[in-house]
Amino acid sequence: MLKSESTAILLLAAGQASRMGQSKQLLIFQGKPLVQYTAQTAVDAGLGTVLVVLGAYAEACKEVLAESPVTIF
């Protein structure tokens, strides 16, 4: 696939997961925190810029995504 400058992937990872009682973003999936796994999958798709919207657990998610080529909001 060709990367388009007019296309972006928006990853919404701001939920508090209040019913679950812990961060869904930081649950381990395929050996990585879910937010990291999902962000890497989006980057690997090669469709355009990957934007990650954080809210609850933002600081912990930022640490996990520190080496990822994504833009964090």
PDB file of N, CA and C in Angstrom:
ATOM      1  N   MET A   1       0.835  -1.175   0.000  1.00  0.00           N
ATOM      2  CA  MET A   1       0.000   0.000   0.000  1.00  0.00           C
ATOM      3  C   MET A   1       0.881   1.239   0.000  1.00  0.00           C
ATOM      4  N   LEU A   2       0.380   2.271  -0.587  1.00  0.00           N
ATOM      5  CA  LEU A   2       1.087   3.534  -0.625  1.00  0.00           C
ATOM      6  C   LEU A   2       0.652   4.414   0.529  1.00  0.00           C
ATOM      7  N   LYS A   3       1.620   5.056   1.138  1.00  0.00           N
ATOM      8  CA  LYS A   3       1.325   5.974   2.227  1.00  0.00           C
ATOM      9  C   LYS A   3       0.806   7.281   1.650  1.00  0.00           C
ATOM     10  N   SER A   4      -0.299   7.745   2.176  1.00  0.00           N
ATOM     11  CA  SER A   4      -0.909   8.978   1.700  1.00  0.00           C
ATOM     12  C   SER A   4      -0.778  10.055   2.758  1.00  0.00           C
ATOM     13  N   GLU A   5      -0.368  11.242   2.353  1.00  0.00           N
ATOM     14  CA  GLU A   5      -0.258  12.351   3.291  1.00  0.00           C
ATOM     15  C   GLU A   5      -1.632  12.855   3.722  1.00  0.00           C
ATOM     16  N   SER A   6      -2.680  12.483   3.002  1.00  0.00           N
ATOM     17  CA  SER A   6      -4.018  12.943   3.361  1.00  0.00           C
ATOM     18  C   SER A   6      -4.786  11.898   4.171  1.00  0.00           C
ATOM     19  N   THR A   7      -4.146  10.802   4.502  1.00  0.00           N
ATOM     20  CA  THR A   7      -4.786   9.741   5.272  1.00  0.00           C
ATOM     21  C   THR A   7      -4.105   9.619   6.630  1.00  0.00           C
ATOM     22  N   ALA A   8      -4.893   9.414   7.649  1.00  0.00           N
ATOM     23  CA  ALA A   8      -4.355   9.194   8.988  1.00  0.00           C
ATOM     24  C   ALA A   8      -5.156   8.078   9.653  1.00  0.00           C
ATOM     25  N   ILE A   9      -4.523   7.422  10.586  1.00  0.00           N
ATOM     26  CA  ILE A   9      -5.200   6.425  11.414  1.00  0.00           C
ATOM     27  C   ILE A   9      -5.343   7.044  12.793  1.00  0.00           C
ATOM     28  N   LEU A  10      -6.550   7.067  13.314  1.00  0.00           N
ATOM     29  CA  LEU A  10      -6.841   7.640  14.619  1.00  0.00           C
ATOM     30  C   LEU A  10      -7.086   6.504  15.605  1.00  0.00           C
ATOM     31  N   LEU A  11      -6.224   6.391  16.590  1.00  0.00           N
ATOM     32  CA  LEU A  11      -6.328   5.351  17.612  1.00  0.00           C
ATOM     33  C   LEU A  11      -6.845   6.002  18.891  1.00  0.00           C
ATOM     34  N   LEU A  12      -8.060   5.653  19.260  1.00  0.00           N
ATOM     35  CA  LEU A  12      -8.669   6.210  20.468  1.00  0.00           C
ATOM     36  C   LEU A  12      -8.350   5.306  21.653  1.00  0.00           C
ATOM     37  N   ALA A  13      -7.537   5.813  22.570  1.00  0.00           N
ATOM     38  CA  ALA A  13      -7.089   5.018  23.718  1.00  0.00           C
ATOM     39  C   ALA A  13      -7.209   5.837  24.994  1.00  0.00           C
ATOM     40  N   ALA A  14      -8.346   6.475  25.179  1.00  0.00           N
ATOM     41  CA  ALA A  14      -8.508   7.408  26.288  1.00  0.00           C
ATOM     42  C   ALA A  14      -9.405   6.894  27.405  1.00  0.00           C
ATOM     43  N   GLY A  15      -9.976   5.734  27.231  1.00  0.00           N
ATOM     44  CA  GLY A  15     -10.959   5.244  28.194  1.00  0.00           C
ATOM     45  C   GLY A  15     -10.396   4.928  29.567  1.00  0.00           C
ATOM     46  N   GLN A  16     -11.233   5.099  30.567  1.00  0.00           N
ATOM     47  CA  GLN A  16     -10.839   4.854  31.952  1.00  0.00           C
ATOM     48  C   GLN A  16     -11.020   3.397  32.360  1.00  0.00           C
ATOM     49  N   ALA A  17     -11.844   2.653  31.645  1.00  0.00           N
ATOM     50  CA  ALA A  17     -12.116   1.243  31.954  1.00  0.00           C
ATOM     51  C   ALA A  17     -12.600   1.076  33.391  1.00  0.00           C
ATOM     52  N   SER A  18     -13.506   1.933  33.806  1.00  0.00           N
ATOM     53  CA  SER A  18     -13.956   1.938  35.200  1.00  0.00           C
ATOM     54  C   SER A  18     -14.617   0.622  35.616  1.00  0.00           C
ATOM     55  N   ARG A  19     -15.346  -0.020  34.722  1.00  0.00           N
ATOM     56  CA  ARG A  19     -15.975  -1.309  35.072  1.00  0.00           C
ATOM     57  C   ARG A  19     -14.951  -2.416  35.174  1.00  0.00           C
ATOM     58  N   MET A  20     -13.891  -2.316  34.413  1.00  0.00           N
ATOM     59  CA  MET A  20     -12.852  -3.342  34.426  1.00  0.00           C
ATOM     60  C   MET A  20     -11.934  -3.192  35.634  1.00  0.00           C
ATOM     61  N   GLY A  21     -11.752  -1.955  36.092  1.00  0.00           N
ATOM     62  CA  GLY A  21     -10.930  -1.723  37.272  1.00  0.00           C
ATOM     63  C   GLY A  21      -9.441  -1.607  36.993  1.00  0.00           C
ATOM     64  N   GLN A  22      -9.047  -1.670  35.747  1.00  0.00           N
ATOM     65  CA  GLN A  22      -7.642  -1.490  35.376  1.00  0.00           C
ATOM     66  C   GLN A  22      -7.579  -0.999  33.941  1.00  0.00           C
ATOM     67  N   SER A  23      -6.430  -0.548  33.548  1.00  0.00           N
ATOM     68  CA  SER A  23      -6.263   0.023  32.218  1.00  0.00           C
ATOM     69  C   SER A  23      -6.326  -1.049  31.135  1.00  0.00           C
ATOM     70  N   LYS A  24      -7.264  -0.904  30.210  1.00  0.00           N
ATOM     71  CA  LYS A  24      -7.300  -1.805  29.054  1.00  0.00           C
ATOM     72  C   LYS A  24      -6.115  -1.525  28.144  1.00  0.00           C
ATOM     73  N   GLN A  25      -5.709  -0.249  28.061  1.00  0.00           N
ATOM     74  CA  GLN A  25      -4.614   0.139  27.186  1.00  0.00           C
ATOM     75  C   GLN A  25      -3.316  -0.581  27.543  1.00  0.00           C
ATOM     76  N   LEU A  26      -3.155  -0.922  28.815  1.00  0.00           N
ATOM     77  CA  LEU A  26      -1.904  -1.513  29.276  1.00  0.00           C
ATOM     78  C   LEU A  26      -1.977  -3.025  29.480  1.00  0.00           C
ATOM     79  N   LEU A  27      -3.130  -3.634  29.177  1.00  0.00           N
ATOM     80  CA  LEU A  27      -3.223  -5.098  29.248  1.00  0.00           C
ATOM     81  C   LEU A  27      -2.264  -5.711  28.231  1.00  0.00           C
ATOM     82  N   ILE A  28      -1.661  -6.803  28.575  1.00  0.00           N
ATOM     83  CA  ILE A  28      -0.704  -7.455  27.679  1.00  0.00           C
ATOM     84  C   ILE A  28      -1.454  -8.286  26.635  1.00  0.00           C
ATOM     85  N   PHE A  29      -1.113  -8.039  25.361  1.00  0.00           N
ATOM     86  CA  PHE A  29      -1.682  -8.770  24.235  1.00  0.00           C
ATOM     87  C   PHE A  29      -0.543  -9.087  23.279  1.00  0.00           C
ATOM     88  N   GLN A  30      -0.378 -10.342  22.935  1.00  0.00           N
ATOM     89  CA  GLN A  30       0.701 -10.767  22.041  1.00  0.00           C
ATOM     90  C   GLN A  30       2.056 -10.306  22.568  1.00  0.00           C
ATOM     91  N   GLY A  31       2.207 -10.303  23.894  1.00  0.00           N
ATOM     92  CA  GLY A  31       3.481  -9.974  24.520  1.00  0.00           C
ATOM     93  C   GLY A  31       3.774  -8.490  24.689  1.00  0.00           C
ATOM     94  N   LYS A  32       2.817  -7.618  24.339  1.00  0.00           N
ATOM     95  CA  LYS A  32       3.011  -6.165  24.447  1.00  0.00           C
ATOM     96  C   LYS A  32       1.772  -5.536  25.061  1.00  0.00           C
ATOM     97  N   PRO A  33       1.926  -4.349  25.665  1.00  0.00           N
ATOM     98  CA  PRO A  33       0.728  -3.628  26.097  1.00  0.00           C
ATOM     99  C   PRO A  33      -0.177  -3.373  24.889  1.00  0.00           C
ATOM    100  N   LEU A  34      -1.479  -3.471  25.069  1.00  0.00           N
ATOM    101  CA  LEU A  34      -2.433  -3.369  23.970  1.00  0.00           C
ATOM    102  C   LEU A  34      -2.275  -2.077  23.166  1.00  0.00           C
ATOM    103  N   VAL A  35      -2.034  -0.958  23.834  1.00  0.00           N
ATOM    104  CA  VAL A  35      -1.877   0.308  23.116  1.00  0.00           C
ATOM    105  C   VAL A  35      -0.632   0.282  22.226  1.00  0.00           C
ATOM    106  N   GLN A  36       0.419  -0.358  22.678  1.00  0.00           N
ATOM    107  CA  GLN A  36       1.645  -0.463  21.872  1.00  0.00           C
ATOM    108  C   GLN A  36       1.423  -1.408  20.686  1.00  0.00           C
ATOM    109  N   TYR A  37       0.800  -2.526  20.943  1.00  0.00           N
ATOM    110  CA  TYR A  37       0.518  -3.495  19.880  1.00  0.00           C
ATOM    111  C   TYR A  37      -0.355  -2.866  18.796  1.00  0.00           C
ATOM    112  N   THR A  38      -1.409  -2.168  19.217  1.00  0.00           N
ATOM    113  CA  THR A  38      -2.335  -1.554  18.272  1.00  0.00           C
ATOM    114  C   THR A  38      -1.661  -0.437  17.488  1.00  0.00           C
ATOM    115  N   ALA A  39      -0.881   0.381  18.165  1.00  0.00           N
ATOM    116  CA  ALA A  39      -0.162   1.462  17.482  1.00  0.00           C
ATOM    117  C   ALA A  39       0.813   0.899  16.460  1.00  0.00           C
ATOM    118  N   GLN A  40       1.534  -0.149  16.815  1.00  0.00           N
ATOM    119  CA  GLN A  40       2.485  -0.740  15.874  1.00  0.00           C
ATOM    120  C   GLN A  40       1.774  -1.357  14.677  1.00  0.00           C
ATOM    121  N   THR A  41       0.632  -1.991  14.913  1.00  0.00           N
ATOM    122  CA  THR A  41      -0.162  -2.543  13.817  1.00  0.00           C
ATOM    123  C   THR A  41      -0.598  -1.441  12.869  1.00  0.00           C
ATOM    124  N   ALA A  42      -1.014  -0.305  13.418  1.00  0.00           N
ATOM    125  CA  ALA A  42      -1.430   0.828  12.598  1.00  0.00           C
ATOM    126  C   ALA A  42      -0.257   1.388  11.797  1.00  0.00           C
ATOM    127  N   VAL A  43       0.895   1.515  12.423  1.00  0.00           N
ATOM    128  CA  VAL A  43       2.097   2.002  11.722  1.00  0.00           C
ATOM    129  C   VAL A  43       2.473   1.035  10.605  1.00  0.00           C
ATOM    130  N   ASP A  44       2.452  -0.253  10.911  1.00  0.00           N
ATOM    131  CA  ASP A  44       2.821  -1.273   9.928  1.00  0.00           C
ATOM    132  C   ASP A  44       1.880  -1.299   8.726  1.00  0.00           C
ATOM    133  N   ALA A  45       0.654  -0.836   8.900  1.00  0.00           N
ATOM    134  CA  ALA A  45      -0.299  -0.793   7.786  1.00  0.00           C
ATOM    135  C   ALA A  45       0.181   0.167   6.704  1.00  0.00           C
ATOM    136  N   GLY A  46       0.975   1.155   7.092  1.00  0.00           N
ATOM    137  CA  GLY A  46       1.567   2.065   6.127  1.00  0.00           C
ATOM    138  C   GLY A  46       0.594   2.965   5.407  1.00  0.00           C
ATOM    139  N   LEU A  47      -0.535   3.247   6.022  1.00  0.00           N
ATOM    140  CA  LEU A  47      -1.564   4.039   5.358  1.00  0.00           C
ATOM    141  C   LEU A  47      -1.407   5.536   5.555  1.00  0.00           C
ATOM    142  N   GLY A  48      -0.650   5.946   6.516  1.00  0.00           N
ATOM    143  CA  GLY A  48      -0.461   7.367   6.795  1.00  0.00           C
ATOM    144  C   GLY A  48      -0.073   7.582   8.240  1.00  0.00           C
ATOM    145  N   THR A  49      -0.158   8.811   8.669  1.00  0.00           N
ATOM    146  CA  THR A  49       0.188   9.199  10.030  1.00  0.00           C
ATOM    147  C   THR A  49      -0.713   8.467  11.029  1.00  0.00           C
ATOM    148  N   VAL A  50      -0.124   8.061  12.150  1.00  0.00           N
ATOM    149  CA  VAL A  50      -0.895   7.412  13.213  1.00  0.00           C
ATOM    150  C   VAL A  50      -1.004   8.395  14.374  1.00  0.00           C
ATOM    151  N   LEU A  51      -2.245   8.736  14.712  1.00  0.00           N
ATOM    152  CA  LEU A  51      -2.541   9.658  15.806  1.00  0.00           C
ATOM    153  C   LEU A  51      -3.135   8.859  16.948  1.00  0.00           C
ATOM    154  N   VAL A  52      -2.596   9.023  18.158  1.00  0.00           N
ATOM    155  CA  VAL A  52      -3.087   8.295  19.327  1.00  0.00           C
ATOM    156  C   VAL A  52      -3.651   9.303  20.319  1.00  0.00           C
ATOM    157  N   VAL A  53      -4.926   9.154  20.650  1.00  0.00           N
ATOM    158  CA  VAL A  53      -5.588  10.033  21.614  1.00  0.00           C
ATOM    159  C   VAL A  53      -5.600   9.329  22.966  1.00  0.00           C
ATOM    160  N   LEU A  54      -4.954   9.959  23.942  1.00  0.00           N
ATOM    161  CA  LEU A  54      -4.882   9.395  25.288  1.00  0.00           C
ATOM    162  C   LEU A  54      -5.719  10.229  26.250  1.00  0.00           C
ATOM    163  N   GLY A  55      -6.115   9.605  27.334  1.00  0.00           N
ATOM    164  CA  GLY A  55      -6.868  10.285  28.394  1.00  0.00           C
ATOM    165  C   GLY A  55      -6.451   9.647  29.710  1.00  0.00           C
ATOM    166  N   ALA A  56      -7.272   8.716  30.184  1.00  0.00           N
ATOM    167  CA  ALA A  56      -6.931   7.978  31.394  1.00  0.00           C
ATOM    168  C   ALA A  56      -5.650   7.183  31.156  1.00  0.00           C
ATOM    169  N   TYR A  57      -4.813   7.118  32.150  1.00  0.00           N
ATOM    170  CA  TYR A  57      -3.550   6.370  32.094  1.00  0.00           C
ATOM    171  C   TYR A  57      -2.591   6.937  31.045  1.00  0.00           C
ATOM    172  N   ALA A  58      -2.741   8.218  30.727  1.00  0.00           N
ATOM    173  CA  ALA A  58      -1.953   8.833  29.657  1.00  0.00           C
ATOM    174  C   ALA A  58      -0.454   8.740  29.904  1.00  0.00           C
ATOM    175  N   GLU A  59      -0.008   9.022  31.106  1.00  0.00           N
ATOM    176  CA  GLU A  59       1.437   9.022  31.372  1.00  0.00           C
ATOM    177  C   GLU A  59       2.037   7.636  31.174  1.00  0.00           C
ATOM    178  N   ALA A  60       1.366   6.612  31.660  1.00  0.00           N
ATOM    179  CA  ALA A  60       1.863   5.245  31.488  1.00  0.00           C
ATOM    180  C   ALA A  60       1.857   4.850  30.019  1.00  0.00           C
ATOM    181  N   CYS A  61       0.827   5.267  29.290  1.00  0.00           N
ATOM    182  CA  CYS A  61       0.750   4.957  27.857  1.00  0.00           C
ATOM    183  C   CYS A  61       1.836   5.691  27.085  1.00  0.00           C
ATOM    184  N   LYS A  62       2.114   6.933  27.455  1.00  0.00           N
ATOM    185  CA  LYS A  62       3.185   7.692  26.796  1.00  0.00           C
ATOM    186  C   LYS A  62       4.524   6.989  26.949  1.00  0.00           C
ATOM    187  N   GLU A  63       4.774   6.436  28.123  1.00  0.00           N
ATOM    188  CA  GLU A  63       6.026   5.694  28.354  1.00  0.00           C
ATOM    189  C   GLU A  63       6.111   4.492  27.428  1.00  0.00           C
ATOM    190  N   VAL A  64       5.017   3.767  27.302  1.00  0.00           N
ATOM    191  CA  VAL A  64       4.962   2.578  26.455  1.00  0.00           C
ATOM    192  C   VAL A  64       5.160   2.952  24.985  1.00  0.00           C
ATOM    193  N   LEU A  65       4.647   4.103  24.580  1.00  0.00           N
ATOM    194  CA  LEU A  65       4.696   4.535  23.179  1.00  0.00           C
ATOM    195  C   LEU A  65       5.909   5.406  22.858  1.00  0.00           C
ATOM    196  N   ALA A  66       6.791   5.599  23.806  1.00  0.00           N
ATOM    197  CA  ALA A  66       7.916   6.528  23.645  1.00  0.00           C
ATOM    198  C   ALA A  66       8.755   6.270  22.395  1.00  0.00           C
ATOM    199  N   GLU A  67       8.932   5.043  22.013  1.00  0.00           N
ATOM    200  CA  GLU A  67       9.765   4.702  20.853  1.00  0.00           C
ATOM    201  C   GLU A  67       8.944   4.511  19.577  1.00  0.00           C
ATOM    202  N   SER A  68       7.635   4.656  19.673  1.00  0.00           N
ATOM    203  CA  SER A  68       6.770   4.445  18.510  1.00  0.00           C
ATOM    204  C   SER A  68       6.684   5.709  17.648  1.00  0.00           C
ATOM    205  N   PRO A  69       6.662   5.558  16.344  1.00  0.00           N
ATOM    206  CA  PRO A  69       6.551   6.704  15.451  1.00  0.00           C
ATOM    207  C   PRO A  69       5.100   7.178  15.278  1.00  0.00           C
ATOM    208  N   VAL A  70       4.505   7.587  16.391  1.00  0.00           N
ATOM    209  CA  VAL A  70       3.123   8.046  16.384  1.00  0.00           C
ATOM    210  C   VAL A  70       3.060   9.456  16.970  1.00  0.00           C
ATOM    211  N   THR A  71       1.959  10.135  16.698  1.00  0.00           N
ATOM    212  CA  THR A  71       1.713  11.453  17.294  1.00  0.00           C
ATOM    213  C   THR A  71       0.695  11.261  18.391  1.00  0.00           C
ATOM    214  N   ILE A  72       1.024  11.751  19.593  1.00  0.00           N
ATOM    215  CA  ILE A  72       0.173  11.548  20.763  1.00  0.00           C
ATOM    216  C   ILE A  72      -0.547  12.843  21.113  1.00  0.00           C
ATOM    217  N   PHE A  73      -1.843  12.711  21.369  1.00  0.00           N
ATOM    218  CA  PHE A  73      -2.665  13.831  21.825  1.00  0.00           C
ATOM    219  C   PHE A  73      -3.239  13.530  23.183  1.00  0.00           C
TER     220      PHE A  73
END
